[in-house]
Amino acid sequence: MAFTPLNALNAFLVVGRRRSFAAAANELGISPSALSQSVRQLEARLGVPLLTRTTRSVALTDAGQRLLEQAGPSVEHALEALRTATASAGEVTGRVRLSVPTIAVTTVVTPILVRFAERYPRVEVELRVEDRFVDIVAEGLDAGIRPYESIERDMVQVRLSKPYRFVVVGAPAYLKRRGIPQRPEDLLEHDCLNILMPSSGVRYAWELERGKKTWRIPVRGPLLCLNEPTLISMAEAGLALMYAFEPTVVPHLKRGTLRLVLEPYAARVDGLFLYFPSRAQVSPAFRAFLDVAREVTAERS
């Protein structure tokens, strides 16, 4: 890659978003060594370090964070303009970058993406499935999907789901062996599948509610995991009770491989929302995605 400030700037921005030279090099179609050299030349030109590199990770310095936040949107819009210039009249091109939680993939994101891909085949969607809290502005993303309670109030919010519940479920074999909990406090005497919070590395305390009263139960059990399909599989096998996003376990409840327990104490949340900065310059590709998301959501209401 020949060095020019704009080439190097774009290379840095991809590394900054990805937090990985290998992933960024793959996206740009160059070798990691060429990418590293380009970023180092940019740092030398600016006279400040932009990245802190270790053998296992890449982190932004304060200067790098400022450059990512200030230059990222402008460079992306310039690249979008170049892609649009080669498109046919009225054709939408470009890339949409999204951060979504695991619980949203099957029930919310998949139906939207299927229709969007059919309608806009020249738009590439970068889907980052992650359950940590994400600063979509700092990481150069177009939007995120999260529960309403997790979204900052200065963001534009578009509803993608109805309100839903988090429920406690168990396999018939487990309930026959260990009994059925009747109160939230009973969970302390049961084996439970622990959820590891990626942002903090701590165990998630199961949240339950009834009327105005709430509980946070520090459950314990034989498995600590974040992957929902694995948790469902272990629950169906009778290993322990599971705390689940209700829409993802409905098929298992209908088949009878899992049963609801403590249903009167199920925690209710306001739903999943697509969110993006209120002052963002929305690209044609993201505008098209937003329109399809609204369309699919309206049909499911």
Protein backbone atom coordinates (compact mmCIF):
# COMPACT_ATOMS: atom_id res chain seq x y z
CA MET A 1 0.00 0.00 0.00
CA ALA A 2 1.62 3.27 -1.11
CA PHE A 3 1.61 5.84 1.65
CA THR A 4 -0.74 8.77 1.37
CA PRO A 5 -2.33 10.45 4.40
CA LEU A 6 -5.85 9.50 3.29
CA ASN A 7 -4.95 5.85 2.64
CA ALA A 8 -3.20 5.68 5.98
CA LEU A 9 -6.07 7.43 7.72
CA ASN A 10 -8.57 4.93 6.36
CA ALA A 11 -6.27 2.07 7.38
CA PHE A 12 -6.08 3.43 10.92
CA LEU A 13 -9.85 3.90 11.11
CA VAL A 14 -10.48 0.27 10.19
CA VAL A 15 -7.97 -0.92 12.80
CA GLY A 16 -9.57 1.41 15.34
CA ARG A 17 -13.03 0.02 14.68
CA ARG A 18 -11.91 -3.60 14.60
CA ARG A 19 -9.37 -3.37 17.45
CA SER A 20 -7.38 -5.91 15.44
CA PHE A 21 -4.75 -5.65 12.71
CA ALA A 22 -5.64 -9.11 11.37
CA ALA A 23 -9.36 -8.34 11.06
CA ALA A 24 -8.68 -4.91 9.58
CA ALA A 25 -6.20 -6.31 7.06
CA ASN A 26 -8.76 -8.89 5.98
CA GLU A 27 -11.37 -6.15 5.45
CA LEU A 28 -8.94 -3.99 3.46
CA GLY A 29 -7.52 -6.88 1.44
CA ILE A 30 -3.89 -6.26 2.40
CA SER A 31 -1.33 -8.02 4.60
CA PRO A 32 -1.17 -7.23 8.34
CA SER A 33 2.46 -6.14 7.94
CA ALA A 34 1.59 -3.63 5.20
CA LEU A 35 -1.28 -2.34 7.30
CA SER A 36 0.93 -1.95 10.37
CA GLN A 37 3.52 -0.06 8.32
CA SER A 38 0.86 2.31 6.96
CA VAL A 39 -0.43 3.10 10.46
CA ARG A 40 3.10 3.64 11.78
CA GLN A 41 3.79 6.07 8.93
CA LEU A 42 0.65 7.98 9.86
CA GLU A 43 1.74 8.11 13.50
CA ALA A 44 5.16 9.37 12.41
CA ARG A 45 3.55 12.02 10.18
CA LEU A 46 1.32 13.21 13.05
CA GLY A 47 4.00 12.90 15.72
CA VAL A 48 1.71 11.08 18.18
CA PRO A 49 0.97 7.39 18.88
CA LEU A 50 -2.55 6.42 17.84
CA LEU A 51 -2.56 2.80 18.96
CA THR A 52 -1.18 0.81 21.87
CA ARG A 53 -0.14 -2.61 20.60
CA THR A 54 0.45 -5.80 22.59
CA THR A 55 0.84 -9.37 21.38
CA ARG A 56 -2.86 -9.99 22.11
CA SER A 57 -4.71 -6.74 21.67
CA VAL A 58 -4.87 -3.30 20.10
CA ALA A 59 -6.14 -0.28 22.04
CA LEU A 60 -6.61 3.35 21.07
CA THR A 61 -4.60 6.09 22.70
CA ASP A 62 -6.41 9.31 23.62
CA ALA A 63 -5.21 10.86 20.36
CA GLY A 64 -6.32 7.80 18.44
CA GLN A 65 -9.76 7.89 20.05
CA ARG A 66 -10.19 11.54 19.11
CA LEU A 67 -9.13 10.87 15.53
CA LEU A 68 -11.49 7.91 15.22
CA GLU A 69 -14.45 9.90 16.53
CA GLN A 70 -13.74 13.04 14.49
CA ALA A 71 -12.55 11.60 11.19
CA GLY A 72 -14.42 8.30 11.06
CA PRO A 73 -17.87 9.57 9.96
CA SER A 74 -16.42 11.95 7.36
CA VAL A 75 -14.20 9.32 5.77
CA GLU A 76 -17.05 6.82 5.70
CA HIS A 77 -19.31 9.33 3.99
CA ALA A 78 -16.58 10.07 1.42
CA LEU A 79 -16.16 6.36 0.69
CA GLU A 80 -19.94 6.00 0.46
CA ALA A 81 -19.99 8.82 -2.11
CA LEU A 82 -17.36 7.01 -4.19
CA ARG A 83 -19.35 3.77 -4.08
CA THR A 84 -22.53 5.61 -5.02
CA ALA A 85 -20.84 7.25 -7.99
CA THR A 86 -20.39 3.84 -9.63
CA ALA A 87 -23.96 2.71 -9.01
CA SER A 88 -26.80 2.86 -11.48
CA ALA A 89 -29.28 5.70 -11.14
CA GLY A 90 -31.36 5.15 -8.01
CA GLU A 91 -29.35 2.08 -6.91
CA VAL A 92 -28.35 1.97 -3.24
CA THR A 93 -24.84 0.79 -2.45
CA GLY A 94 -22.49 0.88 0.53
CA ARG A 95 -22.20 -0.75 3.93
CA VAL A 96 -24.29 -0.75 7.09
CA ARG A 97 -22.48 -1.49 10.35
CA LEU A 98 -24.57 -2.76 13.27
CA SER A 99 -23.96 -3.97 16.82
CA VAL A 100 -26.63 -6.39 18.03
CA PRO A 101 -27.05 -8.61 21.10
CA THR A 102 -27.35 -12.37 20.79
CA ILE A 103 -31.01 -12.36 21.84
CA ALA A 104 -31.94 -10.15 18.86
CA VAL A 105 -30.40 -12.22 16.06
CA THR A 106 -33.06 -14.86 15.46
CA THR A 107 -36.21 -13.06 16.49
CA VAL A 108 -35.54 -9.52 15.23
CA VAL A 109 -32.52 -9.17 12.95
CA THR A 110 -32.88 -12.19 10.67
CA PRO A 111 -36.28 -11.27 9.16
CA ILE A 112 -35.06 -7.73 8.49
CA LEU A 113 -31.79 -8.83 6.90
CA VAL A 114 -33.47 -11.38 4.62
CA ARG A 115 -35.77 -8.75 3.14
CA PHE A 116 -33.08 -6.09 3.05
CA ALA A 117 -30.65 -8.35 1.13
CA GLU A 118 -33.34 -9.17 -1.43
CA ARG A 119 -34.16 -5.52 -1.99
CA TYR A 120 -30.67 -4.00 -1.80
CA PRO A 121 -28.18 -6.64 -3.02
CA ARG A 122 -25.32 -4.14 -3.39
CA VAL A 123 -25.38 -3.09 0.26
CA GLU A 124 -23.13 -5.07 2.60
CA VAL A 125 -24.23 -5.42 6.24
CA GLU A 126 -21.51 -5.80 8.85
CA LEU A 127 -23.19 -7.51 11.80
CA ARG A 128 -21.32 -7.51 15.10
CA VAL A 129 -23.02 -9.88 17.54
CA GLU A 130 -21.90 -8.82 21.00
CA ASP A 131 -23.52 -8.55 24.40
CA ARG A 132 -21.25 -5.88 25.87
CA PHE A 133 -22.28 -2.24 25.95
CA VAL A 134 -20.97 -0.55 22.79
CA ASP A 135 -20.25 3.10 22.04
CA ILE A 136 -21.46 3.05 18.44
CA VAL A 137 -20.12 6.55 17.73
CA ALA A 138 -16.61 5.80 18.98
CA GLU A 139 -16.49 2.48 17.11
CA GLY A 140 -17.69 3.91 13.80
CA LEU A 141 -20.98 2.01 13.65
CA ASP A 142 -24.19 3.17 12.02
CA ALA A 143 -26.51 1.83 14.70
CA GLY A 144 -27.06 -0.70 17.43
CA ILE A 145 -29.91 -2.82 18.75
CA ARG A 146 -30.43 -3.06 22.49
CA PRO A 147 -33.21 -3.17 25.10
CA TYR A 148 -34.77 0.24 25.69
CA GLU A 149 -33.36 0.42 29.21
CA SER A 150 -29.77 0.19 27.89
CA ILE A 151 -29.95 3.04 25.37
CA GLU A 152 -28.80 6.59 26.09
CA ARG A 153 -31.68 9.04 25.88
CA ASP A 154 -29.99 11.33 23.32
CA MET A 155 -30.21 8.58 20.69
CA VAL A 156 -32.93 8.22 18.07
CA GLN A 157 -34.82 5.03 18.96
CA VAL A 158 -36.94 2.88 16.65
CA ARG A 159 -38.95 0.03 18.17
CA LEU A 160 -38.22 -3.39 16.65
CA SER A 161 -40.13 -5.66 19.03
CA LYS A 162 -43.03 -5.76 21.42
CA PRO A 163 -42.37 -5.72 25.17
CA TYR A 164 -41.14 -9.12 26.30
CA ARG A 165 -40.23 -11.12 29.38
CA PHE A 166 -37.18 -12.80 30.81
CA VAL A 167 -38.27 -16.14 32.24
CA VAL A 168 -36.86 -19.05 34.26
CA VAL A 169 -37.11 -22.43 32.53
CA GLY A 170 -36.10 -25.99 33.29
CA ALA A 171 -36.29 -29.42 31.72
CA PRO A 172 -38.95 -31.83 33.04
CA ALA A 173 -36.16 -34.21 34.10
CA TYR A 174 -34.48 -31.50 36.19
CA LEU A 175 -37.75 -30.41 37.81
CA LYS A 176 -38.62 -34.02 38.66
CA ARG A 177 -35.19 -34.51 40.21
CA ARG A 178 -34.85 -31.22 42.11
CA GLY A 179 -38.39 -29.94 42.50
CA ILE A 180 -40.07 -26.75 41.26
CA PRO A 181 -39.03 -23.40 42.80
CA GLN A 182 -42.00 -21.47 44.16
CA ARG A 183 -40.37 -18.17 45.17
CA PRO A 184 -37.35 -16.26 43.83
CA GLU A 185 -35.37 -17.11 46.96
CA ASP A 186 -35.75 -20.82 46.16
CA LEU A 187 -33.31 -20.35 43.26
CA LEU A 188 -30.49 -20.16 45.82
CA GLU A 189 -31.07 -23.87 46.50
CA HIS A 190 -31.11 -24.85 42.82
CA ASP A 191 -28.49 -25.47 40.14
CA CYS A 192 -28.63 -22.56 37.69
CA LEU A 193 -26.84 -21.82 34.44
CA ASN A 194 -24.75 -18.73 35.12
CA ILE A 195 -24.50 -15.91 32.60
CA LEU A 196 -21.12 -14.17 32.35
CA MET A 197 -21.41 -10.44 31.67
CA PRO A 198 -18.89 -9.61 28.91
CA SER A 199 -18.47 -5.95 29.90
CA SER A 200 -17.51 -6.70 33.50
CA GLY A 201 -16.65 -10.39 33.67
CA VAL A 202 -18.99 -10.90 36.62
CA ARG A 203 -21.90 -13.30 37.01
CA TYR A 204 -25.31 -11.91 36.16
CA ALA A 205 -27.78 -11.85 39.06
CA TRP A 206 -31.15 -13.08 37.77
CA GLU A 207 -33.74 -10.31 37.88
CA LEU A 208 -37.32 -11.10 38.84
CA GLU A 209 -40.29 -8.94 39.75
CA ARG A 210 -43.87 -9.06 40.96
CA GLY A 211 -45.87 -5.86 41.19
CA LYS A 212 -43.56 -3.20 42.56
CA LYS A 213 -41.21 -5.65 44.24
CA THR A 214 -38.02 -6.77 42.51
CA TRP A 215 -35.36 -9.40 43.22
CA ARG A 216 -31.76 -9.85 42.07
CA ILE A 217 -30.78 -13.44 42.83
CA PRO A 218 -27.03 -14.32 42.83
CA VAL A 219 -27.53 -17.82 41.45
CA ARG A 220 -24.86 -20.51 41.29
CA GLY A 221 -24.50 -23.68 39.29
CA PRO A 222 -22.34 -26.02 37.23
CA LEU A 223 -21.83 -23.87 34.13
CA LEU A 224 -20.74 -20.30 33.41
CA CYS A 225 -21.47 -19.28 29.80
CA LEU A 226 -22.73 -16.48 27.54
CA ASN A 227 -23.67 -18.42 24.40
CA GLU A 228 -27.47 -18.77 24.38
CA PRO A 229 -27.73 -21.92 22.17
CA THR A 230 -25.33 -23.66 24.57
CA LEU A 231 -27.36 -22.57 27.58
CA ILE A 232 -30.59 -23.84 26.00
CA SER A 233 -28.96 -27.15 25.12
CA MET A 234 -27.70 -27.60 28.68
CA ALA A 235 -31.08 -26.67 30.14
CA GLU A 236 -32.87 -29.16 27.87
CA ALA A 237 -30.41 -31.83 28.97
CA GLY A 238 -31.54 -31.27 32.56
CA LEU A 239 -28.26 -29.85 33.82
CA ALA A 240 -29.76 -26.81 35.54
CA LEU A 241 -32.37 -24.04 35.37
CA MET A 242 -31.94 -21.25 32.80
CA TYR A 243 -32.78 -17.54 32.73
CA ALA A 244 -33.97 -16.88 29.18
CA PHE A 245 -35.21 -14.26 26.75
CA GLU A 246 -38.71 -15.69 26.32
CA PRO A 247 -39.04 -15.47 22.50
CA THR A 248 -35.95 -17.66 22.04
CA VAL A 249 -37.32 -20.53 24.17
CA VAL A 250 -40.95 -20.49 22.92
CA PRO A 251 -40.30 -23.39 20.46
CA HIS A 252 -38.78 -25.47 23.28
CA LEU A 253 -41.72 -24.69 25.56
CA LYS A 254 -44.16 -25.78 22.84
CA ARG A 255 -42.25 -29.05 22.35
CA GLY A 256 -42.23 -29.64 26.08
CA THR A 257 -38.45 -29.95 26.36
CA LEU A 258 -38.50 -26.94 28.69
CA ARG A 259 -41.10 -25.71 31.18
CA LEU A 260 -41.71 -22.28 32.67
CA VAL A 261 -41.21 -21.89 36.42
CA LEU A 262 -41.71 -18.84 38.62
CA GLU A 263 -43.85 -17.32 35.85
CA PRO A 264 -45.61 -14.81 38.16
CA TYR A 265 -42.15 -13.33 38.80
CA ALA A 266 -41.05 -13.00 35.15
CA ALA A 267 -39.31 -9.67 34.52
CA ARG A 268 -40.85 -7.51 31.80
CA VAL A 269 -38.87 -5.09 29.63
CA ASP A 270 -40.02 -2.57 27.08
CA GLY A 271 -38.60 -4.28 24.00
CA LEU A 272 -35.68 -4.12 21.58
CA PHE A 273 -34.92 -0.88 19.74
CA LEU A 274 -32.69 0.18 16.85
CA TYR A 275 -30.77 3.28 17.93
CA PHE A 276 -28.40 5.77 16.30
CA PRO A 277 -27.09 9.28 17.07
CA SER A 278 -29.67 12.02 16.68
CA ARG A 279 -27.12 14.29 14.94
CA ALA A 280 -25.77 11.61 12.61
CA GLN A 281 -25.58 12.11 8.86
CA VAL A 282 -27.52 9.04 7.75
CA SER A 283 -26.12 7.33 4.64
CA PRO A 284 -28.45 6.16 1.87
CA ALA A 285 -27.59 2.55 2.75
CA PHE A 286 -28.53 2.98 6.40
CA ARG A 287 -31.65 4.96 5.47
CA ALA A 288 -32.73 2.01 3.32
CA PHE A 289 -32.03 -0.40 6.18
CA LEU A 290 -34.04 1.76 8.55
CA ASP A 291 -37.01 1.79 6.16
CA VAL A 292 -36.95 -2.01 5.84
CA ALA A 293 -36.66 -2.43 9.62
CA ARG A 294 -39.72 -0.25 10.15
CA GLU A 295 -41.63 -2.10 7.43
CA VAL A 296 -40.91 -5.58 8.87
CA THR A 297 -41.69 -4.45 12.41
CA ALA A 298 -45.04 -2.93 11.36
CA GLU A 299 -46.06 -6.22 9.71
CA ARG A 300 -45.31 -8.15 12.91
CA SER A 301 -47.23 -5.77 15.18
